[in-house]
Amino acid sequence: MSRLFASLAFLAALVVPLVPGVPPFWVTLLDYVGLYAIVAIGLVVLTGIGGMTSFGQAMFVGFGAYTTAILATRYGFSPWLTLPIAIIITAVAATLIGAITLSLSGHYLPVGTIAWNISFYYIAGNLDFFRRYDGISGIPPLSVFGISLLDSARLYYLILIVVALAMIATRNLLDSRIGRAIRALKTGAVAAEAFGVD
């Protein structure tokens, strides 16, 4: 039943921009919904399934966004090439920050992740390298076969594909050995270690 519902929802999402009379603002809004859905999937894995309360996702999204923006605007990288580089840099940063933060437990863990978020917010907002609170403008749009994805309706389908891939990857992750370890963490770190989860 859940697969049927997911399939119907995906098909409905495919036709939304094609419906006559749908305002462009709604499509742009759906673009943002799709982007935030990707972040929410990561939050569900960590907090909903792993039982670890974290507010650090916004910071990691910021790492990826700033990496992409800086490489594309200052160093002339192709927007497509900046995406895997941003993923790698964010993964390295998340590993280093996670190694420090996961030594915390109880309510100290969410407070620690809030502290990381606030720190990144003030660092990015006060350094000229990140253009302070003005942000970085002039980021070139993605393009496919010479077709610019600057239009919200064209970008919508790319975001929809990425959301679908993220959902499939998450499902496969949770069915794997690592996924079972994440599920075990919800019962508590001590209980997970007792069952051999490292």
N, C-alpha and C. Protein backbone atom coordinates (compact mmCIF):
# COMPACT_ATOMS: atom_id res chain seq x y z
N MET A 1 0.82 -1.20 0.00
CA MET A 1 0.00 0.00 0.00
C MET A 1 0.87 1.26 0.00
N SER A 2 1.94 1.24 0.82
CA SER A 2 2.80 2.41 0.89
C SER A 2 3.52 2.64 -0.44
N ARG A 3 3.90 1.53 -1.11
CA ARG A 3 4.57 1.68 -2.41
C ARG A 3 3.61 2.25 -3.45
N LEU A 4 2.36 1.81 -3.40
CA LEU A 4 1.35 2.32 -4.32
C LEU A 4 1.14 3.82 -4.09
N PHE A 5 1.04 4.20 -2.82
CA PHE A 5 0.85 5.61 -2.49
C PHE A 5 2.04 6.45 -2.96
N ALA A 6 3.25 5.92 -2.73
CA ALA A 6 4.46 6.64 -3.15
C ALA A 6 4.50 6.80 -4.66
N SER A 7 4.11 5.74 -5.38
CA SER A 7 4.10 5.79 -6.85
C SER A 7 3.09 6.82 -7.36
N LEU A 8 1.90 6.82 -6.75
CA LEU A 8 0.86 7.77 -7.16
C LEU A 8 1.29 9.21 -6.84
N ALA A 9 1.92 9.39 -5.69
CA ALA A 9 2.39 10.73 -5.31
C ALA A 9 3.47 11.21 -6.28
N PHE A 10 4.36 10.30 -6.68
CA PHE A 10 5.42 10.66 -7.62
C PHE A 10 4.83 11.03 -8.99
N LEU A 11 3.84 10.26 -9.44
CA LEU A 11 3.20 10.56 -10.73
C LEU A 11 2.47 11.90 -10.67
N ALA A 12 1.81 12.17 -9.55
CA ALA A 12 1.12 13.45 -9.39
C ALA A 12 2.13 14.60 -9.41
N ALA A 13 3.27 14.38 -8.76
CA ALA A 13 4.31 15.42 -8.73
C ALA A 13 4.86 15.69 -10.13
N LEU A 14 4.90 14.65 -10.97
CA LEU A 14 5.42 14.82 -12.33
C LEU A 14 4.57 15.77 -13.17
N VAL A 15 3.26 15.76 -12.95
CA VAL A 15 2.38 16.53 -13.83
C VAL A 15 2.06 17.93 -13.31
N VAL A 16 2.44 18.24 -12.07
CA VAL A 16 2.07 19.54 -11.48
C VAL A 16 2.50 20.72 -12.36
N PRO A 17 3.77 20.79 -12.81
CA PRO A 17 4.15 21.96 -13.62
C PRO A 17 3.46 22.01 -14.99
N LEU A 18 2.92 20.87 -15.42
CA LEU A 18 2.29 20.82 -16.74
C LEU A 18 0.82 21.22 -16.71
N VAL A 19 0.24 21.34 -15.52
CA VAL A 19 -1.17 21.70 -15.40
C VAL A 19 -1.35 23.15 -15.81
N PRO A 20 -2.26 23.43 -16.76
CA PRO A 20 -2.47 24.81 -17.19
C PRO A 20 -2.95 25.68 -16.03
N GLY A 21 -2.39 26.87 -15.96
CA GLY A 21 -2.82 27.82 -14.94
C GLY A 21 -2.07 27.74 -13.62
N VAL A 22 -1.15 26.78 -13.49
CA VAL A 22 -0.37 26.70 -12.25
C VAL A 22 0.62 27.87 -12.23
N PRO A 23 0.56 28.74 -11.23
CA PRO A 23 1.46 29.90 -11.19
C PRO A 23 2.92 29.48 -11.05
N PRO A 24 3.83 30.20 -11.70
CA PRO A 24 5.26 29.88 -11.56
C PRO A 24 5.74 29.90 -10.11
N PHE A 25 5.11 30.76 -9.30
CA PHE A 25 5.49 30.83 -7.88
C PHE A 25 5.27 29.48 -7.19
N TRP A 26 4.18 28.79 -7.54
CA TRP A 26 3.90 27.49 -6.93
C TRP A 26 4.98 26.48 -7.30
N VAL A 27 5.42 26.55 -8.56
CA VAL A 27 6.47 25.62 -9.00
C VAL A 27 7.77 25.93 -8.26
N THR A 28 8.09 27.22 -8.12
CA THR A 28 9.28 27.61 -7.36
C THR A 28 9.18 27.13 -5.92
N LEU A 29 7.99 27.24 -5.35
CA LEU A 29 7.76 26.77 -3.99
C LEU A 29 7.99 25.26 -3.89
N LEU A 30 7.53 24.53 -4.91
CA LEU A 30 7.76 23.08 -4.94
C LEU A 30 9.24 22.75 -5.09
N ASP A 31 9.99 23.60 -5.79
CA ASP A 31 11.45 23.42 -5.87
C ASP A 31 12.06 23.45 -4.47
N TYR A 32 11.64 24.43 -3.69
CA TYR A 32 12.15 24.54 -2.31
C TYR A 32 11.70 23.36 -1.45
N VAL A 33 10.46 22.92 -1.65
CA VAL A 33 9.96 21.75 -0.91
C VAL A 33 10.83 20.54 -1.21
N GLY A 34 11.19 20.36 -2.48
CA GLY A 34 12.05 19.23 -2.87
C GLY A 34 13.43 19.32 -2.25
N LEU A 35 14.01 20.52 -2.25
CA LEU A 35 15.34 20.70 -1.66
C LEU A 35 15.32 20.42 -0.16
N TYR A 36 14.29 20.93 0.51
CA TYR A 36 14.19 20.70 1.96
C TYR A 36 13.84 19.25 2.27
N ALA A 37 13.16 18.57 1.33
CA ALA A 37 12.85 17.15 1.53
C ALA A 37 14.13 16.32 1.59
N ILE A 38 15.13 16.69 0.78
CA ILE A 38 16.41 15.98 0.80
C ILE A 38 17.07 16.14 2.18
N VAL A 39 17.02 17.35 2.72
CA VAL A 39 17.57 17.60 4.06
C VAL A 39 16.78 16.82 5.10
N ALA A 40 15.45 16.80 4.95
CA ALA A 40 14.59 16.10 5.91
C ALA A 40 14.85 14.60 5.92
N ILE A 41 15.16 14.03 4.76
CA ILE A 41 15.47 12.59 4.69
C ILE A 41 16.67 12.28 5.57
N GLY A 42 17.70 13.11 5.48
CA GLY A 42 18.88 12.93 6.33
C GLY A 42 18.55 13.07 7.80
N LEU A 43 17.66 14.01 8.12
CA LEU A 43 17.25 14.22 9.51
C LEU A 43 16.45 13.03 10.04
N VAL A 44 15.61 12.46 9.18
CA VAL A 44 14.81 11.28 9.58
C VAL A 44 15.72 10.10 9.90
N VAL A 45 16.75 9.89 9.07
CA VAL A 45 17.68 8.78 9.31
C VAL A 45 18.37 8.95 10.66
N LEU A 46 18.87 10.15 10.92
CA LEU A 46 19.64 10.38 12.14
C LEU A 46 18.76 10.45 13.38
N THR A 47 17.70 11.24 13.31
CA THR A 47 16.87 11.48 14.49
C THR A 47 15.73 10.47 14.62
N GLY A 48 14.98 10.29 13.55
CA GLY A 48 13.82 9.40 13.61
C GLY A 48 14.17 7.94 13.75
N ILE A 49 15.19 7.49 13.02
CA ILE A 49 15.55 6.07 13.03
C ILE A 49 16.71 5.81 13.99
N GLY A 50 17.70 6.70 14.00
CA GLY A 50 18.86 6.51 14.88
C GLY A 50 18.64 6.99 16.30
N GLY A 51 17.62 7.83 16.51
CA GLY A 51 17.33 8.31 17.85
C GLY A 51 18.28 9.36 18.38
N MET A 52 19.10 9.95 17.50
CA MET A 52 20.04 10.99 17.93
C MET A 52 19.52 12.35 17.47
N THR A 53 19.19 13.20 18.42
CA THR A 53 18.65 14.52 18.09
C THR A 53 19.78 15.42 17.61
N SER A 54 19.62 15.92 16.39
CA SER A 54 20.66 16.76 15.79
C SER A 54 20.04 17.95 15.08
N PHE A 55 20.67 19.09 15.24
CA PHE A 55 20.25 20.29 14.54
C PHE A 55 21.35 20.76 13.59
N GLY A 56 22.25 19.86 13.25
CA GLY A 56 23.41 20.22 12.45
C GLY A 56 23.22 20.18 10.95
N GLN A 57 22.06 19.69 10.48
CA GLN A 57 21.86 19.54 9.04
C GLN A 57 21.97 20.85 8.29
N ALA A 58 21.47 21.93 8.89
CA ALA A 58 21.52 23.23 8.21
C ALA A 58 22.96 23.65 7.94
N MET A 59 23.85 23.36 8.88
CA MET A 59 25.26 23.73 8.70
C MET A 59 25.87 22.95 7.55
N PHE A 60 25.55 21.66 7.45
CA PHE A 60 26.12 20.85 6.38
C PHE A 60 25.57 21.26 5.01
N VAL A 61 24.30 21.65 4.98
CA VAL A 61 23.74 22.22 3.74
C VAL A 61 24.51 23.49 3.38
N GLY A 62 24.83 24.29 4.39
CA GLY A 62 25.61 25.50 4.16
C GLY A 62 27.00 25.21 3.62
N PHE A 63 27.67 24.17 4.15
CA PHE A 63 28.98 23.78 3.62
C PHE A 63 28.88 23.48 2.13
N GLY A 64 27.89 22.68 1.77
CA GLY A 64 27.71 22.30 0.36
C GLY A 64 27.39 23.49 -0.52
N ALA A 65 26.49 24.35 -0.03
CA ALA A 65 26.07 25.52 -0.81
C ALA A 65 27.22 26.50 -1.02
N TYR A 66 27.97 26.78 0.03
CA TYR A 66 29.09 27.71 -0.09
C TYR A 66 30.19 27.13 -0.98
N THR A 67 30.45 25.83 -0.86
CA THR A 67 31.46 25.20 -1.72
C THR A 67 31.10 25.35 -3.18
N THR A 68 29.85 25.03 -3.50
CA THR A 68 29.37 25.15 -4.88
C THR A 68 29.45 26.59 -5.38
N ALA A 69 28.98 27.52 -4.56
CA ALA A 69 28.95 28.93 -4.96
C ALA A 69 30.36 29.49 -5.17
N ILE A 70 31.26 29.19 -4.25
CA ILE A 70 32.63 29.73 -4.35
C ILE A 70 33.37 29.14 -5.55
N LEU A 71 33.27 27.83 -5.75
CA LEU A 71 33.96 27.20 -6.88
C LEU A 71 33.43 27.70 -8.22
N ALA A 72 32.11 27.89 -8.31
CA ALA A 72 31.50 28.30 -9.58
C ALA A 72 31.75 29.77 -9.89
N THR A 73 31.71 30.63 -8.88
CA THR A 73 31.83 32.07 -9.15
C THR A 73 33.27 32.57 -9.16
N ARG A 74 34.11 32.04 -8.29
CA ARG A 74 35.48 32.58 -8.18
C ARG A 74 36.50 31.80 -8.99
N TYR A 75 36.27 30.52 -9.14
CA TYR A 75 37.27 29.68 -9.81
C TYR A 75 36.79 29.13 -11.15
N GLY A 76 35.59 29.50 -11.56
CA GLY A 76 35.10 29.16 -12.89
C GLY A 76 34.78 27.69 -13.11
N PHE A 77 34.55 26.94 -12.05
CA PHE A 77 34.20 25.52 -12.19
C PHE A 77 32.82 25.39 -12.81
N SER A 78 32.63 24.31 -13.55
CA SER A 78 31.30 23.98 -14.06
C SER A 78 30.38 23.71 -12.87
N PRO A 79 29.13 24.22 -12.91
CA PRO A 79 28.21 23.94 -11.79
C PRO A 79 28.03 22.45 -11.52
N TRP A 80 28.08 21.63 -12.57
CA TRP A 80 27.94 20.18 -12.38
C TRP A 80 29.14 19.60 -11.64
N LEU A 81 30.33 20.13 -11.94
CA LEU A 81 31.54 19.63 -11.29
C LEU A 81 31.60 20.03 -9.82
N THR A 82 30.98 21.17 -9.49
CA THR A 82 31.01 21.62 -8.09
C THR A 82 30.18 20.72 -7.18
N LEU A 83 29.19 20.04 -7.74
CA LEU A 83 28.29 19.23 -6.89
C LEU A 83 29.00 18.05 -6.22
N PRO A 84 29.74 17.19 -6.96
CA PRO A 84 30.45 16.11 -6.26
C PRO A 84 31.54 16.62 -5.33
N ILE A 85 32.20 17.74 -5.72
CA ILE A 85 33.22 18.31 -4.84
C ILE A 85 32.58 18.78 -3.53
N ALA A 86 31.41 19.42 -3.65
CA ALA A 86 30.69 19.89 -2.46
C ALA A 86 30.30 18.72 -1.56
N ILE A 87 29.88 17.61 -2.17
CA ILE A 87 29.50 16.43 -1.38
C ILE A 87 30.71 15.89 -0.63
N ILE A 88 31.86 15.83 -1.30
CA ILE A 88 33.07 15.30 -0.66
C ILE A 88 33.51 16.21 0.50
N ILE A 89 33.54 17.52 0.26
CA ILE A 89 33.96 18.46 1.31
C ILE A 89 32.99 18.41 2.50
N THR A 90 31.70 18.34 2.20
CA THR A 90 30.70 18.26 3.28
C THR A 90 30.85 16.96 4.05
N ALA A 91 31.10 15.86 3.35
CA ALA A 91 31.27 14.56 4.02
C ALA A 91 32.49 14.57 4.94
N VAL A 92 33.59 15.18 4.47
CA VAL A 92 34.80 15.27 5.30
C VAL A 92 34.52 16.13 6.54
N ALA A 93 33.87 17.28 6.32
CA ALA A 93 33.55 18.17 7.45
C ALA A 93 32.61 17.48 8.43
N ALA A 94 31.61 16.76 7.91
CA ALA A 94 30.66 16.05 8.78
C ALA A 94 31.35 14.96 9.58
N THR A 95 32.30 14.28 8.96
CA THR A 95 33.04 13.22 9.67
C THR A 95 33.86 13.80 10.81
N LEU A 96 34.57 14.90 10.53
CA LEU A 96 35.40 15.54 11.57
C LEU A 96 34.54 16.11 12.70
N ILE A 97 33.49 16.83 12.33
CA ILE A 97 32.62 17.43 13.35
C ILE A 97 31.86 16.34 14.11
N GLY A 98 31.42 15.30 13.38
CA GLY A 98 30.72 14.19 14.02
C GLY A 98 31.58 13.45 15.01
N ALA A 99 32.86 13.28 14.68
CA ALA A 99 33.78 12.58 15.59
C ALA A 99 33.91 13.32 16.92
N ILE A 100 33.85 14.64 16.85
CA ILE A 100 33.93 15.45 18.08
C ILE A 100 32.59 15.43 18.82
N THR A 101 31.50 15.63 18.05
CA THR A 101 30.18 15.80 18.66
C THR A 101 29.62 14.51 19.24
N LEU A 102 29.89 13.38 18.61
CA LEU A 102 29.30 12.12 19.07
C LEU A 102 29.89 11.64 20.39
N SER A 103 30.91 12.31 20.88
CA SER A 103 31.39 11.99 22.23
C SER A 103 30.43 12.54 23.29
N LEU A 104 29.51 13.42 22.85
CA LEU A 104 28.49 13.95 23.75
C LEU A 104 27.30 12.99 23.78
N SER A 105 26.55 13.03 24.86
CA SER A 105 25.35 12.19 24.95
C SER A 105 24.26 12.95 25.70
N GLY A 106 23.08 12.37 25.70
CA GLY A 106 21.95 13.01 26.37
C GLY A 106 21.60 14.33 25.72
N HIS A 107 21.22 15.30 26.55
CA HIS A 107 20.82 16.60 25.99
C HIS A 107 22.02 17.42 25.53
N TYR A 108 23.25 16.98 25.86
CA TYR A 108 24.44 17.70 25.40
C TYR A 108 24.63 17.57 23.89
N LEU A 109 24.16 16.45 23.32
CA LEU A 109 24.31 16.24 21.88
C LEU A 109 23.54 17.28 21.07
N PRO A 110 22.21 17.45 21.28
CA PRO A 110 21.52 18.49 20.51
C PRO A 110 22.04 19.90 20.78
N VAL A 111 22.42 20.17 22.03
CA VAL A 111 22.97 21.50 22.34
C VAL A 111 24.28 21.72 21.60
N GLY A 112 25.10 20.66 21.51
CA GLY A 112 26.36 20.74 20.77
C GLY A 112 26.14 21.02 19.29
N THR A 113 25.12 20.38 18.70
CA THR A 113 24.85 20.62 17.27
C THR A 113 24.31 22.03 17.04
N ILE A 114 23.54 22.54 17.99
CA ILE A 114 23.07 23.93 17.89
C ILE A 114 24.27 24.88 17.94
N ALA A 115 25.22 24.58 18.81
CA ALA A 115 26.43 25.42 18.93
C ALA A 115 27.21 25.44 17.62
N TRP A 116 27.35 24.28 16.96
CA TRP A 116 28.04 24.23 15.67
C TRP A 116 27.31 25.11 14.65
N ASN A 117 25.98 25.01 14.62
CA ASN A 117 25.19 25.81 13.68
C ASN A 117 25.41 27.30 13.89
N ILE A 118 25.31 27.73 15.14
CA ILE A 118 25.48 29.15 15.45
C ILE A 118 26.89 29.62 15.08
N SER A 119 27.88 28.78 15.35
CA SER A 119 29.26 29.14 15.02
C SER A 119 29.43 29.35 13.53
N PHE A 120 28.90 28.41 12.72
CA PHE A 120 29.03 28.53 11.27
C PHE A 120 28.29 29.76 10.75
N TYR A 121 27.12 30.02 11.34
CA TYR A 121 26.32 31.18 10.93
C TYR A 121 27.11 32.48 11.12
N TYR A 122 27.75 32.63 12.27
CA TYR A 122 28.50 33.86 12.54
C TYR A 122 29.81 33.92 11.75
N ILE A 123 30.44 32.78 11.55
CA ILE A 123 31.67 32.77 10.74
C ILE A 123 31.36 33.18 9.30
N ALA A 124 30.34 32.56 8.71
CA ALA A 124 29.97 32.88 7.33
C ALA A 124 29.49 34.32 7.19
N GLY A 125 28.83 34.82 8.23
CA GLY A 125 28.28 36.17 8.17
C GLY A 125 29.28 37.28 8.43
N ASN A 126 30.46 36.92 8.91
CA ASN A 126 31.43 37.96 9.27
C ASN A 126 32.74 37.90 8.48
N LEU A 127 32.88 36.93 7.60
CA LEU A 127 34.10 36.83 6.79
C LEU A 127 33.85 37.32 5.37
N ASP A 128 34.78 38.12 4.86
CA ASP A 128 34.66 38.60 3.48
C ASP A 128 34.71 37.45 2.48
N PHE A 129 35.41 36.38 2.84
CA PHE A 129 35.53 35.23 1.94
C PHE A 129 34.15 34.67 1.58
N PHE A 130 33.22 34.74 2.53
CA PHE A 130 31.86 34.25 2.30
C PHE A 130 30.90 35.38 1.94
N ARG A 131 31.45 36.57 1.68
CA ARG A 131 30.67 37.77 1.35
C ARG A 131 29.72 38.18 2.48
N ARG A 132 30.09 37.87 3.68
CA ARG A 132 29.34 38.27 4.87
C ARG A 132 27.86 37.89 4.75
N TYR A 133 26.98 38.76 5.26
CA TYR A 133 25.54 38.44 5.26
C TYR A 133 24.88 38.70 3.91
N ASP A 134 25.63 39.28 2.96
CA ASP A 134 25.06 39.52 1.63
C ASP A 134 24.95 38.23 0.82
N GLY A 135 25.78 37.26 1.14
CA GLY A 135 25.77 36.01 0.39
C GLY A 135 26.52 36.14 -0.93
N ILE A 136 26.58 35.06 -1.67
CA ILE A 136 27.31 35.02 -2.94
C ILE A 136 26.30 35.04 -4.08
N SER A 137 26.44 36.00 -4.97
CA SER A 137 25.52 36.13 -6.10
C SER A 137 26.25 35.80 -7.40
N GLY A 138 25.49 35.73 -8.47
CA GLY A 138 26.06 35.46 -9.78
C GLY A 138 26.44 34.01 -10.01
N ILE A 139 25.78 33.09 -9.31
CA ILE A 139 26.08 31.66 -9.48
C ILE A 139 25.45 31.20 -10.80
N PRO A 140 26.25 30.62 -11.70
CA PRO A 140 25.69 30.18 -12.99
C PRO A 140 24.72 29.02 -12.80
N PRO A 141 23.65 28.98 -13.59
CA PRO A 141 22.68 27.89 -13.45
C PRO A 141 23.20 26.58 -14.05
N LEU A 142 22.64 25.48 -13.60
CA LEU A 142 22.93 24.19 -14.21
C LEU A 142 22.33 24.16 -15.60
N SER A 143 22.93 23.38 -16.48
CA SER A 143 22.37 23.22 -17.82
C SER A 143 22.54 21.77 -18.27
N VAL A 144 21.58 21.30 -19.06
CA VAL A 144 21.60 19.93 -19.58
C VAL A 144 21.51 20.01 -21.10
N PHE A 145 22.54 19.54 -21.79
CA PHE A 145 22.60 19.58 -23.26
C PHE A 145 22.35 21.00 -23.78
N GLY A 146 22.94 21.97 -23.10
CA GLY A 146 22.81 23.36 -23.52
C GLY A 146 21.53 24.04 -23.09
N ILE A 147 20.64 23.30 -22.43
CA ILE A 147 19.37 23.89 -21.96
C ILE A 147 19.55 24.33 -20.51
N SER A 148 19.42 25.63 -20.27
CA SER A 148 19.60 26.17 -18.92
C SER A 148 18.45 25.75 -18.02
N LEU A 149 18.79 25.40 -16.78
CA LEU A 149 17.78 25.03 -15.79
C LEU A 149 17.46 26.20 -14.86
N LEU A 150 17.62 27.41 -15.39
CA LEU A 150 17.32 28.60 -14.59
C LEU A 150 15.82 28.71 -14.33
N ASP A 151 15.02 28.23 -15.29
CA ASP A 151 13.57 28.25 -15.14
C ASP A 151 13.15 27.26 -14.04
N SER A 152 12.25 27.68 -13.16
CA SER A 152 11.85 26.86 -12.02
C SER A 152 11.20 25.55 -12.44
N ALA A 153 10.46 25.55 -13.56
CA ALA A 153 9.80 24.33 -14.02
C ALA A 153 10.82 23.30 -14.51
N ARG A 154 11.87 23.75 -15.18
CA ARG A 154 12.92 22.83 -15.64
C ARG A 154 13.72 22.29 -14.47
N LEU A 155 14.04 23.16 -13.53
CA LEU A 155 14.80 22.75 -12.35
C LEU A 155 14.00 21.78 -11.49
N TYR A 156 12.69 21.93 -11.52
CA TYR A 156 11.79 21.10 -10.71
C TYR A 156 12.02 19.61 -10.97
N TYR A 157 12.15 19.25 -12.25
CA TYR A 157 12.30 17.82 -12.58
C TYR A 157 13.65 17.27 -12.14
N LEU A 158 14.68 18.09 -12.19
CA LEU A 158 15.99 17.65 -11.68
C LEU A 158 15.91 17.41 -10.17
N ILE A 159 15.27 18.34 -9.46
CA ILE A 159 15.12 18.19 -8.01
C ILE A 159 14.30 16.95 -7.69
N LEU A 160 13.25 16.71 -8.47
CA LEU A 160 12.39 15.53 -8.25
C LEU A 160 13.18 14.24 -8.43
N ILE A 161 14.06 14.20 -9.43
CA ILE A 161 14.90 13.02 -9.65
C ILE A 161 15.84 12.81 -8.47
N VAL A 162 16.45 13.90 -7.99
CA VAL A 162 17.38 13.80 -6.86
C VAL A 162 16.66 13.33 -5.60
N VAL A 163 15.44 13.84 -5.37
CA VAL A 163 14.65 13.40 -4.20
C VAL A 163 14.36 11.91 -4.30
N ALA A 164 13.96 11.45 -5.49
CA ALA A 164 13.67 10.02 -5.69
C ALA A 164 14.92 9.18 -5.45
N LEU A 165 16.07 9.62 -5.96
CA LEU A 165 17.32 8.89 -5.75
C LEU A 165 17.71 8.87 -4.27
N ALA A 166 17.48 9.99 -3.58
CA ALA A 166 17.79 10.06 -2.14
C ALA A 166 16.92 9.08 -1.36
N MET A 167 15.65 8.97 -1.74
CA MET A 167 14.74 8.05 -1.06
C MET A 167 15.14 6.60 -1.30
N ILE A 168 15.51 6.29 -2.54
CA ILE A 168 15.95 4.92 -2.86
C ILE A 168 17.23 4.58 -2.12
N ALA A 169 18.18 5.53 -2.12
CA ALA A 169 19.46 5.30 -1.43
C ALA A 169 19.24 5.12 0.07
N THR A 170 18.33 5.89 0.65
CA THR A 170 18.04 5.77 2.08
C THR A 170 17.41 4.43 2.40
N ARG A 171 16.49 4.00 1.54
CA ARG A 171 15.85 2.69 1.75
C ARG A 171 16.89 1.57 1.70
N ASN A 172 17.79 1.64 0.72
CA ASN A 172 18.84 0.62 0.61
C ASN A 172 19.80 0.68 1.80
N LEU A 173 20.10 1.90 2.26
CA LEU A 173 20.98 2.06 3.43
C LEU A 173 20.37 1.41 4.66
N LEU A 174 19.08 1.65 4.88
CA LEU A 174 18.42 1.12 6.08
C LEU A 174 18.25 -0.39 6.03
N ASP A 175 18.29 -0.97 4.83
CA ASP A 175 18.20 -2.43 4.70
C ASP A 175 19.57 -3.10 4.77
N SER A 176 20.62 -2.29 4.90
CA SER A 176 21.98 -2.83 4.93
C SER A 176 22.44 -3.04 6.37
N ARG A 177 23.65 -3.54 6.51
CA ARG A 177 24.24 -3.75 7.85
C ARG A 177 24.37 -2.42 8.60
N ILE A 178 24.80 -1.38 7.88
CA ILE A 178 24.93 -0.06 8.50
C ILE A 178 23.56 0.44 8.96
N GLY A 179 22.54 0.21 8.14
CA GLY A 179 21.19 0.62 8.50
C GLY A 179 20.69 -0.06 9.75
N ARG A 180 20.98 -1.35 9.88
CA ARG A 180 20.58 -2.08 11.09
C ARG A 180 21.32 -1.54 12.31
N ALA A 181 22.56 -1.12 12.11
CA ALA A 181 23.32 -0.51 13.22
C ALA A 181 22.70 0.82 13.63
N ILE A 182 22.25 1.60 12.64
CA ILE A 182 21.59 2.88 12.93
C ILE A 182 20.31 2.64 13.72
N ARG A 183 19.54 1.63 13.31
CA ARG A 183 18.30 1.30 14.03
C ARG A 183 18.60 0.89 15.47
N ALA A 184 19.69 0.14 15.65
CA ALA A 184 20.05 -0.34 16.99
C ALA A 184 20.41 0.81 17.92
N LEU A 185 20.93 1.90 17.37
CA LEU A 185 21.32 3.05 18.20
C LEU A 185 20.13 3.69 18.90
N LYS A 186 18.93 3.51 18.34
CA LYS A 186 17.75 4.13 18.93
C LYS A 186 17.46 3.57 20.32
N THR A 187 17.81 2.30 20.54
CA THR A 187 17.58 1.69 21.85
C THR A 187 18.61 2.13 22.87
N GLY A 188 19.66 2.80 22.40
CA GLY A 188 20.71 3.28 23.30
C GLY A 188 22.06 2.75 22.87
N ALA A 189 23.09 3.57 23.06
CA ALA A 189 24.44 3.19 22.62
C ALA A 189 24.95 1.97 23.37
N VAL A 190 24.63 1.87 24.66
CA VAL A 190 25.11 0.73 25.46
C VAL A 190 24.47 -0.56 24.97
N ALA A 191 23.15 -0.50 24.72
CA ALA A 191 22.45 -1.68 24.22
C ALA A 191 22.98 -2.08 22.85
N ALA A 192 23.25 -1.10 21.99
CA ALA A 192 23.78 -1.39 20.66
C ALA A 192 25.15 -2.05 20.75
N GLU A 193 26.00 -1.55 21.64
CA GLU A 193 27.33 -2.15 21.83
C GLU A 193 27.22 -3.57 22.36
N ALA A 194 26.22 -3.82 23.20
CA ALA A 194 26.02 -5.16 23.75
C ALA A 194 25.68 -6.16 22.66
N PHE A 195 25.04 -5.67 21.59
CA PHE A 195 24.70 -6.54 20.46
C PHE A 195 25.79 -6.54 19.39
N GLY A 196 26.93 -5.95 19.69
CA GLY A 196 28.07 -5.99 18.78
C GLY A 196 28.12 -4.88 17.76
N VAL A 197 27.28 -3.84 17.93
CA VAL A 197 27.30 -2.70 17.01
C VAL A 197 28.42 -1.77 17.44
N ASP A 198 29.33 -1.49 16.52
CA ASP A 198 30.49 -0.65 16.85
C ASP A 198 30.12 0.82 16.80
